[in-house]
């Protein structure tokens, strides 16, 4: 479903771009080439969603109402020389507007294929643990709905 929405947005943008004339005669960047490079790096991951749904129901009930995009990332994925196994992202408001997703979990496809069932559960539980409810306060939060979540970097969703 999320992939379908994403494709509809991309198709709408493409059709608008074809209808509008360039503002000047300068060469325009090749957005299709960039988009294809991104598409070759990521794919939607229903198999990750299936495992995550069980973990959320058992250990992360605060995430049951969240709309989460699950992606597998292909190819080498390193940061500071270490393999990245996964990443939890609280979607910025522009992403939420375009995709309807509150959160995103990106999992390293190579790692996912090597892990057994238990290892996959541990990895997803770890990544889902980055999305925590905000601490209770007497004052209302300055941004986001009162039940907003935070990511490890304190991004609200």
C-alpha atoms as a PDB file:
ATOM      1  CA  UNK A   1       0.000   0.000   0.000  1.00  0.00           C
ATOM      2  CA  UNK A   2       2.753   2.461   0.958  1.00  0.00           C
ATOM      3  CA  UNK A   3       4.653   1.622  -2.229  1.00  0.00           C
ATOM      4  CA  UNK A   4       1.497   2.275  -4.258  1.00  0.00           C
ATOM      5  CA  UNK A   5       1.053   5.709  -2.647  1.00  0.00           C
ATOM      6  CA  UNK A   6       4.723   6.466  -3.282  1.00  0.00           C
ATOM      7  CA  UNK A   7       4.398   5.516  -6.963  1.00  0.00           C
ATOM      8  CA  UNK A   8       1.281   7.658  -7.337  1.00  0.00           C
ATOM      9  CA  UNK A   9       3.152  10.675  -5.952  1.00  0.00           C
ATOM     10  CA  UNK A  10       6.125  10.041  -8.267  1.00  0.00           C
ATOM     11  CA  UNK A  11       3.842   9.627 -11.311  1.00  0.00           C
ATOM     12  CA  UNK A  12       1.984  12.831 -10.420  1.00  0.00           C
ATOM     13  CA  UNK A  13       5.262  14.761 -10.113  1.00  0.00           C
ATOM     14  CA  UNK A  14       6.524  13.308 -13.422  1.00  0.00           C
ATOM     15  CA  UNK A  15       3.338  14.298 -15.268  1.00  0.00           C
ATOM     16  CA  UNK A  16       3.471  17.836 -13.843  1.00  0.00           C
ATOM     17  CA  UNK A  17       7.120  18.145 -14.829  1.00  0.00           C
ATOM     18  CA  UNK A  18       6.365  17.064 -18.414  1.00  0.00           C
ATOM     19  CA  UNK A  19       3.533  19.610 -18.716  1.00  0.00           C
ATOM     20  CA  UNK A  20       5.540  22.566 -17.431  1.00  0.00           C
ATOM     21  CA  UNK A  21       8.115  24.333 -19.557  1.00  0.00           C
ATOM     22  CA  UNK A  22      11.628  24.849 -18.192  1.00  0.00           C
ATOM     23  CA  UNK A  23      12.165  28.258 -16.590  1.00  0.00           C
ATOM     24  CA  UNK A  24      15.337  28.826 -18.566  1.00  0.00           C
ATOM     25  CA  UNK A  25      17.418  27.134 -21.235  1.00  0.00           C
ATOM     26  CA  UNK A  26      19.927  25.692 -18.771  1.00  0.00           C
ATOM     27  CA  UNK A  27      20.324  21.920 -18.773  1.00  0.00           C
ATOM     28  CA  UNK A  28      17.990  20.310 -16.248  1.00  0.00           C
ATOM     29  CA  UNK A  29      19.295  17.619 -13.852  1.00  0.00           C
ATOM     30  CA  UNK A  30      18.378  14.048 -14.718  1.00  0.00           C
ATOM     31  CA  UNK A  31      15.967  13.226 -11.895  1.00  0.00           C
ATOM     32  CA  UNK A  32      15.000   9.918 -13.498  1.00  0.00           C
ATOM     33  CA  UNK A  33      18.598   8.705 -13.324  1.00  0.00           C
ATOM     34  CA  UNK A  34      18.817   9.634  -9.632  1.00  0.00           C
ATOM     35  CA  UNK A  35      15.445   8.042  -8.864  1.00  0.00           C
ATOM     36  CA  UNK A  36      16.482   4.809 -10.600  1.00  0.00           C
ATOM     37  CA  UNK A  37      19.717   4.717  -8.592  1.00  0.00           C
ATOM     38  CA  UNK A  38      17.698   5.048  -5.383  1.00  0.00           C
ATOM     39  CA  UNK A  39      15.200   2.393  -6.525  1.00  0.00           C
ATOM     40  CA  UNK A  40      18.070  -0.013  -7.160  1.00  0.00           C
ATOM     41  CA  UNK A  41      19.332   0.536  -3.591  1.00  0.00           C
ATOM     42  CA  UNK A  42      16.038   0.124  -1.676  1.00  0.00           C
ATOM     43  CA  UNK A  43      12.967  -2.067  -1.832  1.00  0.00           C
ATOM     44  CA  UNK A  44       9.794  -2.370   0.229  1.00  0.00           C
ATOM     45  CA  UNK A  45      10.063  -5.278   2.665  1.00  0.00           C
ATOM     46  CA  UNK A  46       6.816  -7.082   3.552  1.00  0.00           C
ATOM     47  CA  UNK A  47       8.859  -9.908   5.113  1.00  0.00           C
ATOM     48  CA  UNK A  48      10.330  -7.417   7.592  1.00  0.00           C
ATOM     49  CA  UNK A  49       6.852  -6.015   8.319  1.00  0.00           C
ATOM     50  CA  UNK A  50       5.540  -9.507   9.147  1.00  0.00           C
ATOM     51  CA  UNK A  51       8.201 -10.060  11.801  1.00  0.00           C
ATOM     52  CA  UNK A  52       7.944  -6.495  13.121  1.00  0.00           C
ATOM     53  CA  UNK A  53       4.153  -6.690  13.527  1.00  0.00           C
ATOM     54  CA  UNK A  54       4.542  -9.561  16.006  1.00  0.00           C
ATOM     55  CA  UNK A  55       7.277  -7.747  17.935  1.00  0.00           C
ATOM     56  CA  UNK A  56       5.230  -4.539  18.093  1.00  0.00           C
ATOM     57  CA  UNK A  57       2.185  -6.415  19.384  1.00  0.00           C
ATOM     58  CA  UNK A  58       4.246  -8.104  22.107  1.00  0.00           C
ATOM     59  CA  UNK A  59       6.845  -5.524  23.148  1.00  0.00           C
ATOM     60  CA  UNK A  60       6.100  -2.120  21.584  1.00  0.00           C
ATOM     61  CA  UNK A  61       2.347  -1.489  21.879  1.00  0.00           C
ATOM     62  CA  UNK A  62       2.962   2.279  21.728  1.00  0.00           C
ATOM     63  CA  UNK A  63       3.795   1.770  18.021  1.00  0.00           C
ATOM     64  CA  UNK A  64       0.593  -0.038  17.047  1.00  0.00           C
ATOM     65  CA  UNK A  65      -1.049   3.115  15.674  1.00  0.00           C
ATOM     66  CA  UNK A  66       2.077   4.302  13.836  1.00  0.00           C
ATOM     67  CA  UNK A  67       2.398   3.937  10.078  1.00  0.00           C
ATOM     68  CA  UNK A  68       5.830   2.442   9.535  1.00  0.00           C
ATOM     69  CA  UNK A  69       7.627   1.988   6.205  1.00  0.00           C
ATOM     70  CA  UNK A  70       9.856  -1.088   6.112  1.00  0.00           C
ATOM     71  CA  UNK A  71      12.707  -1.030   3.602  1.00  0.00           C
ATOM     72  CA  UNK A  72      15.613  -3.322   2.793  1.00  0.00           C
ATOM     73  CA  UNK A  73      18.779  -1.594   1.610  1.00  0.00           C
ATOM     74  CA  UNK A  74      20.908  -3.434  -0.933  1.00  0.00           C
ATOM     75  CA  UNK A  75      24.651  -3.194  -1.375  1.00  0.00           C
ATOM     76  CA  UNK A  76      27.421  -2.139   0.950  1.00  0.00           C
ATOM     77  CA  UNK A  77      26.232   0.003   3.849  1.00  0.00           C
ATOM     78  CA  UNK A  78      28.908   1.275   6.198  1.00  0.00           C
ATOM     79  CA  UNK A  79      29.366   4.154   8.577  1.00  0.00           C
ATOM     80  CA  UNK A  80      32.767   5.004  10.033  1.00  0.00           C
ATOM     81  CA  UNK A  81      34.107   1.720   8.660  1.00  0.00           C
ATOM     82  CA  UNK A  82      31.479  -0.472  10.362  1.00  0.00           C
ATOM     83  CA  UNK A  83      28.623  -2.335   8.700  1.00  0.00           C
ATOM     84  CA  UNK A  84      25.255  -0.703   9.406  1.00  0.00           C
ATOM     85  CA  UNK A  85      22.673  -3.373  10.249  1.00  0.00           C
ATOM     86  CA  UNK A  86      19.657  -1.071  10.346  1.00  0.00           C
ATOM     87  CA  UNK A  87      18.391   2.419  10.919  1.00  0.00           C
ATOM     88  CA  UNK A  88      15.276   3.831  12.587  1.00  0.00           C
ATOM     89  CA  UNK A  89      13.993   7.145  11.245  1.00  0.00           C
ATOM     90  CA  UNK A  90      11.228   9.389  12.543  1.00  0.00           C
ATOM     91  CA  UNK A  91       9.877  10.841   9.302  1.00  0.00           C
ATOM     92  CA  UNK A  92      10.093  14.614   8.867  1.00  0.00           C
ATOM     93  CA  UNK A  93       6.734  16.290   8.325  1.00  0.00           C
ATOM     94  CA  UNK A  94       7.351  16.635   4.566  1.00  0.00           C
ATOM     95  CA  UNK A  95       7.843  12.838   4.279  1.00  0.00           C
ATOM     96  CA  UNK A  96       4.679  12.303   6.310  1.00  0.00           C
ATOM     97  CA  UNK A  97       2.776  14.584   3.963  1.00  0.00           C
ATOM     98  CA  UNK A  98       4.054  12.845   0.808  1.00  0.00           C
ATOM     99  CA  UNK A  99       4.033   9.222   1.976  1.00  0.00           C
ATOM    100  CA  UNK A 100       1.660   9.020   4.925  1.00  0.00           C
ATOM    101  CA  UNK A 101       4.369   7.237   6.948  1.00  0.00           C
ATOM    102  CA  UNK A 102       5.252   8.317  10.485  1.00  0.00           C
ATOM    103  CA  UNK A 103       8.370   6.195  10.845  1.00  0.00           C
ATOM    104  CA  UNK A 104      10.772   4.199   8.688  1.00  0.00           C
ATOM    105  CA  UNK A 105      12.905   1.163   9.440  1.00  0.00           C
ATOM    106  CA  UNK A 106      15.691   0.485   6.978  1.00  0.00           C
ATOM    107  CA  UNK A 107      17.374  -2.902   7.313  1.00  0.00           C
ATOM    108  CA  UNK A 108      20.599  -4.026   5.619  1.00  0.00           C
ATOM    109  CA  UNK A 109      19.468  -6.723   3.150  1.00  0.00           C
ATOM    110  CA  UNK A 110      22.743  -8.658   3.330  1.00  0.00           C
ATOM    111  CA  UNK A 111      22.535  -8.818   7.129  1.00  0.00           C
ATOM    112  CA  UNK A 112      18.824  -9.776   6.967  1.00  0.00           C
ATOM    113  CA  UNK A 113      19.601 -12.711   4.650  1.00  0.00           C
ATOM    114  CA  UNK A 114      22.378 -14.010   6.906  1.00  0.00           C
ATOM    115  CA  UNK A 115      20.427 -13.779  10.183  1.00  0.00           C
ATOM    116  CA  UNK A 116      18.204 -16.575  11.407  1.00  0.00           C
ATOM    117  CA  UNK A 117      14.692 -15.979  12.729  1.00  0.00           C
ATOM    118  CA  UNK A 118      15.881 -15.145  16.256  1.00  0.00           C
ATOM    119  CA  UNK A 119      18.566 -12.765  14.983  1.00  0.00           C
ATOM    120  CA  UNK A 120      16.002 -10.963  12.821  1.00  0.00           C
ATOM    121  CA  UNK A 121      13.703 -10.554  15.819  1.00  0.00           C
ATOM    122  CA  UNK A 122      16.551  -9.174  17.930  1.00  0.00           C
ATOM    123  CA  UNK A 123      17.568  -6.715  15.189  1.00  0.00           C
ATOM    124  CA  UNK A 124      14.003  -5.456  14.699  1.00  0.00           C
ATOM    125  CA  UNK A 125      13.353  -5.217  18.443  1.00  0.00           C
ATOM    126  CA  UNK A 126      16.526  -3.143  18.759  1.00  0.00           C
ATOM    127  CA  UNK A 127      15.553  -0.805  15.921  1.00  0.00           C
ATOM    128  CA  UNK A 128      11.959  -0.452  17.172  1.00  0.00           C
ATOM    129  CA  UNK A 129      13.347   0.407  20.614  1.00  0.00           C
ATOM    130  CA  UNK A 130      14.680   3.650  19.145  1.00  0.00           C
ATOM    131  CA  UNK A 131      11.090   4.895  18.929  1.00  0.00           C
ATOM    132  CA  UNK A 132      10.173   5.762  22.478  1.00  0.00           C
ATOM    133  CA  UNK A 133       7.226   7.645  23.939  1.00  0.00           C
ATOM    134  CA  UNK A 134       8.180  11.136  25.097  1.00  0.00           C
ATOM    135  CA  UNK A 135       8.708  11.477  28.847  1.00  0.00           C
ATOM    136  CA  UNK A 136       5.616  12.642  30.737  1.00  0.00           C
ATOM    137  CA  UNK A 137       5.640  16.366  31.378  1.00  0.00           C
ATOM    138  CA  UNK A 138       3.190  18.810  32.884  1.00  0.00           C
ATOM    139  CA  UNK A 139       3.530  21.228  29.970  1.00  0.00           C
ATOM    140  CA  UNK A 140       2.139  20.430  26.532  1.00  0.00           C
ATOM    141  CA  UNK A 141       4.792  19.644  23.899  1.00  0.00           C
ATOM    142  CA  UNK A 142       5.731  22.542  21.666  1.00  0.00           C
ATOM    143  CA  UNK A 143       5.540  20.520  18.445  1.00  0.00           C
ATOM    144  CA  UNK A 144       3.584  17.514  17.242  1.00  0.00           C
ATOM    145  CA  UNK A 145       0.532  15.842  18.683  1.00  0.00           C
ATOM    146  CA  UNK A 146       0.411  15.195  22.425  1.00  0.00           C
ATOM    147  CA  UNK A 147       1.090  11.510  21.849  1.00  0.00           C
ATOM    148  CA  UNK A 148       4.066  12.051  19.581  1.00  0.00           C
ATOM    149  CA  UNK A 149       7.023   9.683  19.685  1.00  0.00           C
ATOM    150  CA  UNK A 150      10.673  10.503  19.684  1.00  0.00           C
ATOM    151  CA  UNK A 151      13.527   8.757  17.986  1.00  0.00           C
ATOM    152  CA  UNK A 152      16.944   8.341  19.561  1.00  0.00           C
ATOM    153  CA  UNK A 153      17.894  11.731  18.154  1.00  0.00           C
ATOM    154  CA  UNK A 154      14.745  13.239  19.713  1.00  0.00           C
ATOM    155  CA  UNK A 155      12.961  13.687  16.376  1.00  0.00           C
ATOM    156  CA  UNK A 156       9.221  13.883  17.053  1.00  0.00           C
ATOM    157  CA  UNK A 157       6.638  12.043  14.974  1.00  0.00           C
END
